[in-house]
C-alpha atoms as a PDB file:
ATOM      1  CA  MET A   1      47.710 128.226  87.626  1.00  0.00           C
ATOM      2  CA  HIS A   2      48.148 131.801  88.698  1.00  0.00           C
ATOM      3  CA  GLY A   3      50.167 134.681  87.308  1.00  0.00           C
ATOM      4  CA  ARG A   4      51.941 135.302  84.040  1.00  0.00           C
ATOM      5  CA  PHE A   5      54.273 132.322  84.211  1.00  0.00           C
ATOM      6  CA  ALA A   6      51.732 129.777  85.188  1.00  0.00           C
ATOM      7  CA  VAL A   7      53.129 126.268  85.322  1.00  0.00           C
ATOM      8  CA  PRO A   8      51.036 123.276  86.232  1.00  0.00           C
ATOM      9  CA  LEU A   9      51.867 122.107  89.732  1.00  0.00           C
ATOM     10  CA  SER A  10      52.620 118.578  88.548  1.00  0.00           C
ATOM     11  CA  ALA A  11      55.198 119.872  86.036  1.00  0.00           C
ATOM     12  CA  PHE A  12      56.773 122.019  88.743  1.00  0.00           C
ATOM     13  CA  ALA A  13      56.892 119.074  91.135  1.00  0.00           C
ATOM     14  CA  ALA A  14      58.412 116.875  88.433  1.00  0.00           C
ATOM     15  CA  ALA A  15      61.070 119.499  87.689  1.00  0.00           C
ATOM     16  CA  CYS A  16      61.866 119.804  91.401  1.00  0.00           C
ATOM     17  CA  ALA A  17      62.117 116.036  91.733  1.00  0.00           C
ATOM     18  CA  ALA A  18      64.424 115.837  88.711  1.00  0.00           C
ATOM     19  CA  LEU A  19      66.569 118.637  90.108  1.00  0.00           C
ATOM     20  CA  LEU A  20      66.748 116.847  93.460  1.00  0.00           C
ATOM     21  CA  VAL A  21      67.833 113.597  91.804  1.00  0.00           C
ATOM     22  CA  VAL A  22      70.523 115.335  89.749  1.00  0.00           C
ATOM     23  CA  SER A  23      71.818 117.383  92.671  1.00  0.00           C
ATOM     24  CA  THR A  24      71.926 114.274  94.872  1.00  0.00           C
ATOM     25  CA  ALA A  25      73.900 112.407  92.218  1.00  0.00           C
ATOM     26  CA  VAL A  26      76.287 115.345  91.821  1.00  0.00           C
ATOM     27  CA  ALA A  27      76.758 115.584  95.573  1.00  0.00           C
ATOM     28  CA  GLN A  28      77.519 111.851  95.726  1.00  0.00           C
ATOM     29  CA  GLU A  29      80.113 112.185  92.955  1.00  0.00           C
ATOM     30  CA  ILE A  30      81.768 115.051  94.806  1.00  0.00           C
ATOM     31  CA  ARG A  31      81.835 113.009  98.026  1.00  0.00           C
ATOM     32  CA  ASP A  32      83.347 110.076  96.134  1.00  0.00           C
ATOM     33  CA  ASP A  33      86.023 112.315  94.599  1.00  0.00           C
ATOM     34  CA  ARG A  34      86.884 113.773  97.981  1.00  0.00           C
ATOM     35  CA  ARG A  35      87.043 110.286  99.499  1.00  0.00           C
ATOM     36  CA  GLU A  36      89.504 109.241  96.791  1.00  0.00           C
ATOM     37  CA  ILE A  37      91.614 112.304  97.539  1.00  0.00           C
ATOM     38  CA  ARG A  38      91.656 111.450 101.252  1.00  0.00           C
ATOM     39  CA  GLN A  39      92.662 107.876 100.442  1.00  0.00           C
ATOM     40  CA  ASP A  40      95.466 109.118  98.203  1.00  0.00           C
ATOM     41  CA  ARG A  41      96.694 111.443 100.947  1.00  0.00           C
ATOM     42  CA  ARG A  42      96.711 108.573 103.447  1.00  0.00           C
ATOM     43  CA  ALA A  43      98.605 106.398 100.991  1.00  0.00           C
ATOM     44  CA  ILE A  44     101.154 109.180 100.495  1.00  0.00           C
ATOM     45  CA  ARG A  45     101.663 109.536 104.247  1.00  0.00           C
ATOM     46  CA  HIS A  46     102.027 105.768 104.606  1.00  0.00           C
ATOM     47  CA  ASP A  47     104.511 105.554 101.724  1.00  0.00           C
ATOM     48  CA  GLY A  48     106.432 108.508 103.146  1.00  0.00           C
ATOM     49  CA  ARG A  49     106.772 106.711 106.485  1.00  0.00           C
ATOM     50  CA  ASP A  50     107.951 103.557 104.710  1.00  0.00           C
ATOM     51  CA  LEU A  51     110.443 105.578 102.721  1.00  0.00           C
ATOM     52  CA  ARG A  52     111.876 107.232 105.837  1.00  0.00           C
ATOM     53  CA  GLN A  53     112.111 103.850 107.591  1.00  0.00           C
ATOM     54  CA  ASP A  54     113.904 102.306 104.613  1.00  0.00           C
ATOM     55  CA  ARG A  55     116.327 105.233 104.521  1.00  0.00           C
ATOM     56  CA  ARG A  56     117.097 104.735 108.215  1.00  0.00           C
ATOM     57  CA  GLU A  57     117.659 101.010 107.664  1.00  0.00           C
ATOM     58  CA  ALA A  58     119.922 101.658 104.676  1.00  0.00           C
ATOM     59  CA  LEU A  59     121.924 104.174 106.690  1.00  0.00           C
ATOM     60  CA  GLN A  60     122.285 101.682 109.545  1.00  0.00           C
ATOM     61  CA  ASP A  61     123.411  98.969 107.120  1.00  0.00           C
ATOM     62  CA  ARG A  62     125.974 101.349 105.589  1.00  0.00           C
ATOM     63  CA  ARG A  63     127.335 102.049 109.065  1.00  0.00           C
ATOM     64  CA  GLU A  64     127.551  98.327 109.809  1.00  0.00           C
ATOM     65  CA  LEU A  65     129.304  97.796 106.494  1.00  0.00           C
ATOM     66  CA  ALA A  66     131.853 100.498 107.327  1.00  0.00           C
ATOM     67  CA  ASP A  67     132.390  98.969 110.780  1.00  0.00           C
ATOM     68  CA  ASP A  68     132.886  95.519 109.237  1.00  0.00           C
ATOM     69  CA  ARG A  69     135.430  96.910 106.773  1.00  0.00           C
ATOM     70  CA  GLU A  70     137.335  98.570 109.589  1.00  0.00           C
ATOM     71  CA  GLN A  71     137.292  95.354 111.615  1.00  0.00           C
ATOM     72  CA  LEU A  72     138.512  93.444 108.563  1.00  0.00           C
ATOM     73  CA  ARG A  73     141.437  95.841 108.172  1.00  0.00           C
ATOM     74  CA  GLU A  74     142.366  95.511 111.838  1.00  0.00           C
ATOM     75  CA  ASP A  75     142.188  91.705 111.752  1.00  0.00           C
ATOM     76  CA  PHE A  76     144.182  91.598 108.509  1.00  0.00           C
ATOM     77  CA  ARG A  77     146.901  93.778 110.029  1.00  0.00           C
ATOM     78  CA  ALA A  78     146.955  91.576 113.111  1.00  0.00           C
ATOM     79  CA  GLY A  79     147.329  88.473 110.915  1.00  0.00           C
ATOM     80  CA  ASP A  80     144.261  86.706 112.351  1.00  0.00           C
ATOM     81  CA  ARG A  81     143.095  84.599 109.376  1.00  0.00           C
ATOM     82  CA  GLU A  82     140.031  83.136 111.078  1.00  0.00           C
ATOM     83  CA  ALA A  83     138.820  86.587 112.090  1.00  0.00           C
ATOM     84  CA  VAL A  84     139.428  87.840 108.534  1.00  0.00           C
ATOM     85  CA  ARG A  85     137.268  85.010 107.135  1.00  0.00           C
ATOM     86  CA  GLU A  86     134.521  85.832 109.624  1.00  0.00           C
ATOM     87  CA  ASP A  87     134.778  89.543 108.794  1.00  0.00           C
ATOM     88  CA  LEU A  88     134.513  88.806 105.069  1.00  0.00           C
ATOM     89  CA  ARG A  89     131.408  86.697 105.681  1.00  0.00           C
ATOM     90  CA  GLU A  90     129.833  89.509 107.718  1.00  0.00           C
ATOM     91  CA  LEU A  91     130.806  91.997 105.036  1.00  0.00           C
ATOM     92  CA  ARG A  92     129.038  89.943 102.352  1.00  0.00           C
ATOM     93  CA  GLU A  93     125.927  89.663 104.536  1.00  0.00           C
ATOM     94  CA  ASP A  94     125.869  93.407 105.174  1.00  0.00           C
ATOM     95  CA  ARG A  95     126.260  94.105 101.459  1.00  0.00           C
ATOM     96  CA  ALA A  96     123.307  91.825 100.725  1.00  0.00           C
ATOM     97  CA  GLU A  97     121.202  93.614 103.355  1.00  0.00           C
ATOM     98  CA  LEU A  98     122.177  96.965 101.903  1.00  0.00           C
ATOM     99  CA  ARG A  99     121.153  95.829  98.409  1.00  0.00           C
ATOM    100  CA  GLU A 100     117.773  94.701  99.779  1.00  0.00           C
ATOM    101  CA  ASP A 101     117.304  98.013 101.578  1.00  0.00           C
ATOM    102  CA  ARG A 102     118.111  99.934  98.426  1.00  0.00           C
ATOM    103  CA  GLN A 103     115.602  97.855  96.475  1.00  0.00           C
ATOM    104  CA  GLU A 104     112.908  98.539  99.086  1.00  0.00           C
ATOM    105  CA  LEU A 105     113.809 102.206  98.966  1.00  0.00           C
ATOM    106  CA  ARG A 106     113.366 102.287  95.191  1.00  0.00           C
ATOM    107  CA  GLN A 107     110.002 100.529  95.493  1.00  0.00           C
ATOM    108  CA  ASP A 108     108.788 102.939  98.158  1.00  0.00           C
ATOM    109  CA  LYS A 109     109.868 105.904  96.049  1.00  0.00           C
ATOM    110  CA  ALA A 110     107.948 104.513  93.081  1.00  0.00           C
ATOM    111  CA  GLU A 111     104.822 103.951  95.207  1.00  0.00           C
ATOM    112  CA  LEU A 112     105.059 107.454  96.606  1.00  0.00           C
ATOM    113  CA  ARG A 113     105.457 108.908  93.129  1.00  0.00           C
ATOM    114  CA  ASP A 114     102.417 106.940  91.904  1.00  0.00           C
ATOM    115  CA  ASP A 115     100.300 108.024  94.874  1.00  0.00           C
ATOM    116  CA  ARG A 116     101.220 111.661  94.333  1.00  0.00           C
ATOM    117  CA  ARG A 117     100.324 111.360  90.655  1.00  0.00           C
ATOM    118  CA  ASP A 118      96.958 109.816  91.607  1.00  0.00           C
ATOM    119  CA  LEU A 119      96.306 112.620  94.064  1.00  0.00           C
ATOM    120  CA  ARG A 120      97.041 115.275  91.445  1.00  0.00           C
ATOM    121  CA  ARG A 121      94.769 113.513  88.965  1.00  0.00           C
ATOM    122  CA  ASP A 122      91.931 113.213  91.502  1.00  0.00           C
ATOM    123  CA  ARG A 123      92.247 116.867  92.457  1.00  0.00           C
ATOM    124  CA  ARG A 124      92.185 117.937  88.817  1.00  0.00           C
ATOM    125  CA  GLU A 125      89.089 115.832  88.199  1.00  0.00           C
ATOM    126  CA  LEU A 126      87.325 117.231  91.248  1.00  0.00           C
ATOM    127  CA  HIS A 127      88.102 120.826  90.334  1.00  0.00           C
ATOM    128  CA  ARG A 128      87.199 120.246  86.701  1.00  0.00           C
ATOM    129  CA  ASP A 129      83.869 118.674  87.721  1.00  0.00           C
ATOM    130  CA  LEU A 130      83.096 121.467  90.166  1.00  0.00           C
ATOM    131  CA  TYR A 131      83.972 124.134  87.581  1.00  0.00           C
ATOM    132  CA  GLN A 132      81.907 122.411  84.921  1.00  0.00           C
ATOM    133  CA  ARG A 133      78.901 122.066  87.218  1.00  0.00           C
ATOM    134  CA  GLN A 134      79.220 125.684  88.244  1.00  0.00           C
ATOM    135  CA  ASN A 135      79.155 126.764  84.606  1.00  0.00           C
ATOM    136  CA  ASP A 136      76.231 124.445  83.840  1.00  0.00           C
ATOM    137  CA  ARG A 137      74.013 126.322  86.263  1.00  0.00           C
END
């Protein structure tokens, strides 16, 4: 022990070891939080792609529905009963597809909303933890 603030070497080594353990644990928590944020971002991108794809499919089904309605009108005017029956069947099928697409669209929107909420929560936790650790020093 030398100097005014003499500390036994074993106590100093123990304090350093404890500090190393705590800082390693803190660093691991920060890495885990950042990993969760990256996962949330990936999930958001994936859900965004699904949402855009579902919107394209719904738009295509709406176009097909409009085409089927137009064909039905033309066949009705022409008096072709068999074609009208076929057009009505196609119209019902397209409506069913459109309903399914809308349901998928709603699900994708909900997933995207949940992923964004998770990302905001993870970011808040990370920043809160970093701020708290900074003030603890």
